[in-house]
Amino acid sequence: MAEFISIYSDNPNPKDLQQTVETLENGGLVIFPTNTVYALGCLSNHSLGLDRFAELKGVKLEQAPFSFLFSDIRSFTPYVAPMNAPVFKLVKRLFPGPYALILEAAPKLPKPFQKRKTIGIRISEHPILKTLLPLLSAPLITSSLHDPDEILDYTTDPESLFERWESKIDLMLSDGYGSNIPSTVIDLTKNPFEVIRKGAGEIPF
């Protein structure tokens, strides 16, 4: 049965963080707060977690539009192709922040992502993630959790979210009510850059 942990953003309990690390490193699925909406994630290098993640979302890993969640710009450079000056300048301007940026993928991404030509990148400024991500052996694969309600796209109440997903995940970290506005998605592989989804982040051009 999944566990619900209330965690303080400004001063997260090290034991809670360690439990989260252990859950993820063992192939677990975790719901966590971000600087936008609550998200579902697993380790990008754990086959069991990835298989469960794909099954839960009803997609194939090789094709699904998941984002990789990194702690900082330096940590994602092995996953992307060399960036030209305009792209790198915009990346530095927007991260960390409420954005998901699509970039050209590096030639040798880890399995099962090695055939991808592009990769979605996020760097969250949420304090819990800033503390958690450096403790992990690999970046997280993450996806927003859509609400079945036709009017409300994203659930803001963590207890309601947990009730809906409890049987399918291993752990949920809650820091209170979340936002219902997702990240802004920008494709930086296009010329000119293309906004795929307008969300919490302001359009920078």
Protein backbone atom coordinates (compact mmCIF):
# COMPACT_ATOMS: atom_id res chain seq x y z
CA MET A 1 0.00 0.00 0.00
CA ALA A 2 1.25 3.45 -0.88
CA GLU A 3 2.36 5.86 1.81
CA PHE A 4 1.37 9.53 2.11
CA ILE A 5 4.05 11.81 3.56
CA SER A 6 3.47 15.44 4.45
CA ILE A 7 6.75 17.22 3.93
CA TYR A 8 7.85 20.78 4.64
CA SER A 9 9.25 22.53 1.60
CA ASP A 10 11.54 24.86 3.52
CA ASN A 11 12.94 22.19 5.81
CA PRO A 12 12.28 18.66 4.51
CA ASN A 13 12.87 15.83 6.95
CA PRO A 14 16.03 13.91 5.90
CA LYS A 15 14.31 10.62 6.79
CA ASP A 16 11.46 11.41 4.40
CA LEU A 17 13.92 12.26 1.66
CA GLN A 18 15.88 9.05 2.27
CA GLN A 19 12.67 7.01 2.14
CA THR A 20 11.83 8.66 -1.18
CA VAL A 21 15.29 7.90 -2.54
CA GLU A 22 15.02 4.24 -1.51
CA THR A 23 11.56 3.95 -3.05
CA LEU A 24 12.73 5.36 -6.38
CA GLU A 25 15.96 3.37 -6.44
CA ASN A 26 13.90 0.19 -5.98
CA GLY A 27 11.71 0.91 -9.00
CA GLY A 28 8.95 2.74 -7.16
CA LEU A 29 6.51 5.31 -8.49
CA VAL A 30 6.27 8.57 -6.57
CA ILE A 31 3.95 11.57 -6.77
CA PHE A 32 5.68 14.79 -5.77
CA PRO A 33 5.11 18.55 -5.82
CA THR A 34 6.74 20.72 -8.45
CA ASN A 35 6.72 24.47 -9.02
CA THR A 36 3.59 23.89 -11.13
CA VAL A 37 1.27 20.88 -10.68
CA TYR A 38 1.80 17.61 -8.82
CA ALA A 39 3.66 15.08 -10.97
CA LEU A 40 4.30 11.36 -11.19
CA GLY A 41 7.86 10.15 -11.52
CA CYS A 42 10.29 7.25 -11.50
CA LEU A 43 14.01 6.84 -12.04
CA SER A 44 15.01 7.02 -15.69
CA ASN A 45 17.52 4.18 -15.29
CA HIS A 46 15.31 1.61 -13.55
CA SER A 47 13.59 -0.79 -15.95
CA LEU A 48 10.95 -1.91 -13.44
CA GLY A 49 9.95 1.64 -12.59
CA LEU A 50 9.88 2.61 -16.26
CA ASP A 51 7.71 -0.37 -17.20
CA ARG A 52 5.26 0.42 -14.41
CA PHE A 53 5.26 4.09 -15.38
CA ALA A 54 4.50 3.32 -19.03
CA GLU A 55 1.77 0.85 -18.13
CA LEU A 56 0.14 3.31 -15.75
CA LYS A 57 0.15 6.05 -18.41
CA GLY A 58 -0.88 3.64 -21.16
CA VAL A 59 1.96 4.54 -23.52
CA LYS A 60 5.16 3.16 -25.01
CA LEU A 61 8.32 4.51 -23.41
CA GLU A 62 10.07 4.98 -26.73
CA GLN A 63 7.39 7.36 -27.98
CA ALA A 64 5.82 8.96 -24.90
CA PRO A 65 6.28 12.71 -24.40
CA PHE A 66 7.72 12.43 -20.90
CA SER A 67 10.10 14.99 -19.47
CA PHE A 68 13.41 14.31 -17.78
CA LEU A 69 13.67 16.20 -14.50
CA PHE A 70 17.17 17.41 -13.61
CA SER A 71 18.67 19.29 -10.70
CA ASP A 72 20.59 21.85 -12.79
CA ILE A 73 21.83 22.65 -16.30
CA ARG A 74 25.14 20.86 -15.83
CA SER A 75 23.42 17.58 -14.99
CA PHE A 76 21.44 17.45 -18.24
CA THR A 77 24.24 18.29 -20.69
CA PRO A 78 25.11 14.59 -21.32
CA TYR A 79 21.52 14.02 -22.46
CA VAL A 80 21.29 16.76 -25.10
CA ALA A 81 23.14 17.59 -28.30
CA PRO A 82 25.44 20.62 -28.22
CA MET A 83 23.34 23.78 -28.07
CA ASN A 84 23.94 26.81 -30.24
CA ALA A 85 24.26 30.23 -28.61
CA PRO A 86 20.60 31.36 -28.92
CA VAL A 87 19.30 28.08 -27.48
CA PHE A 88 21.78 28.02 -24.61
CA LYS A 89 21.04 31.64 -23.78
CA LEU A 90 17.32 30.94 -23.54
CA VAL A 91 17.84 27.76 -21.52
CA LYS A 92 19.91 29.68 -18.97
CA ARG A 93 17.27 32.39 -18.87
CA LEU A 94 14.33 30.05 -18.25
CA PHE A 95 15.81 27.44 -15.90
CA PRO A 96 15.02 26.79 -13.16
CA GLY A 97 11.40 27.67 -13.74
CA PRO A 98 7.92 26.51 -14.82
CA TYR A 99 9.02 25.33 -18.26
CA ALA A 100 9.54 22.10 -20.16
CA LEU A 101 11.97 22.63 -23.03
CA ILE A 102 12.31 20.29 -25.99
CA LEU A 103 15.91 19.96 -27.15
CA GLU A 104 17.86 17.84 -29.61
CA ALA A 105 18.79 14.58 -27.90
CA ALA A 106 22.35 13.39 -27.45
CA PRO A 107 23.41 10.60 -29.87
CA LYS A 108 23.61 8.00 -27.10
CA LEU A 109 20.74 8.28 -24.67
CA PRO A 110 20.38 5.45 -22.14
CA LYS A 111 17.98 2.58 -22.89
CA PRO A 112 15.07 2.58 -23.65
CA PHE A 113 15.37 6.14 -24.94
CA GLN A 114 18.26 5.64 -27.36
CA LYS A 115 16.14 6.12 -30.50
CA ARG A 116 14.78 9.50 -29.48
CA LYS A 117 15.72 12.46 -31.62
CA THR A 118 14.46 15.01 -29.08
CA ILE A 119 14.20 15.13 -25.30
CA GLY A 120 12.01 17.11 -22.92
CA ILE A 121 13.91 18.81 -20.09
CA ARG A 122 12.67 20.29 -16.83
CA ILE A 123 14.55 21.95 -13.97
CA SER A 124 12.23 22.76 -11.10
CA GLU A 125 12.87 25.47 -8.56
CA HIS A 126 10.78 23.61 -5.99
CA PRO A 127 12.91 23.29 -2.81
CA ILE A 128 12.01 19.63 -2.20
CA LEU A 129 13.14 18.62 -5.68
CA LYS A 130 16.28 20.73 -5.41
CA THR A 131 17.18 18.71 -2.33
CA LEU A 132 15.99 15.31 -3.60
CA LEU A 133 17.35 15.15 -7.15
CA PRO A 134 21.08 15.31 -6.29
CA LEU A 135 20.57 12.26 -4.04
CA LEU A 136 19.38 10.05 -6.91
CA SER A 137 21.46 7.86 -9.22
CA ALA A 138 19.74 9.22 -12.34
CA PRO A 139 17.28 11.93 -13.39
CA LEU A 140 13.56 11.34 -13.00
CA ILE A 141 11.13 10.64 -15.79
CA THR A 142 8.06 12.68 -15.00
CA SER A 143 4.56 13.42 -16.23
CA SER A 144 1.72 15.60 -14.97
CA LEU A 145 -1.35 13.89 -13.54
CA HIS A 146 -4.50 14.91 -15.37
CA ASP A 147 -7.80 15.07 -13.54
CA PRO A 148 -10.70 13.04 -14.98
CA ASP A 149 -12.91 16.09 -14.45
CA GLU A 150 -13.64 17.70 -17.82
CA ILE A 151 -13.47 21.20 -16.33
CA LEU A 152 -10.54 20.95 -13.92
CA ASP A 153 -7.42 19.68 -15.71
CA TYR A 154 -5.28 19.14 -12.62
CA THR A 155 -6.13 18.24 -9.02
CA THR A 156 -4.82 20.72 -6.47
CA ASP A 157 -5.85 18.78 -3.34
CA PRO A 158 -3.07 16.29 -2.48
CA GLU A 159 -5.36 14.03 -0.43
CA SER A 160 -7.81 13.70 -3.32
CA LEU A 161 -4.90 13.00 -5.64
CA PHE A 162 -3.56 10.32 -3.31
CA GLU A 163 -6.98 8.69 -2.98
CA ARG A 164 -7.22 8.36 -6.75
CA TRP A 165 -3.70 7.00 -7.31
CA GLU A 166 -2.99 5.18 -4.04
CA SER A 167 -3.37 1.67 -5.47
CA LYS A 168 -0.98 2.38 -8.36
CA ILE A 169 1.94 4.20 -6.73
CA ASP A 170 4.31 3.58 -3.83
CA LEU A 171 4.70 6.99 -2.22
CA MET A 172 3.31 10.51 -2.33
CA LEU A 173 5.06 13.60 -1.05
CA SER A 174 2.68 16.40 -0.14
CA ASP A 175 3.48 20.00 0.71
CA GLY A 176 -0.14 21.16 0.60
CA TYR A 177 -2.38 22.35 -2.19
CA GLY A 178 -0.69 22.56 -5.57
CA SER A 179 -1.26 24.67 -8.64
CA ASN A 180 -3.62 23.69 -11.45
CA ILE A 181 -1.54 25.42 -14.13
CA PRO A 182 1.10 23.19 -15.79
CA SER A 183 4.46 24.18 -17.18
CA THR A 184 4.89 26.08 -20.42
CA VAL A 185 6.27 23.77 -23.12
CA ILE A 186 8.59 25.24 -25.76
CA ASP A 187 10.18 23.35 -28.65
CA LEU A 188 13.69 24.73 -29.09
CA THR A 189 14.44 22.40 -31.99
CA LYS A 190 12.22 24.50 -34.27
CA ASN A 191 13.28 27.70 -36.02
CA PRO A 192 11.70 29.91 -34.87
CA PHE A 193 11.10 28.41 -31.42
CA GLU A 194 7.58 27.03 -31.05
CA VAL A 195 5.30 27.20 -28.01
CA ILE A 196 3.60 23.82 -27.67
CA ARG A 197 1.60 24.69 -24.55
CA LYS A 198 1.12 27.97 -22.72
CA GLY A 199 1.26 27.34 -18.99
CA ALA A 200 2.68 28.95 -15.88
CA GLY A 201 5.81 30.30 -17.54
CA GLU A 202 5.61 33.55 -19.49
CA ILE A 203 6.36 33.33 -23.21
CA PRO A 204 9.94 34.65 -23.47
CA PHE A 205 9.83 35.84 -27.07
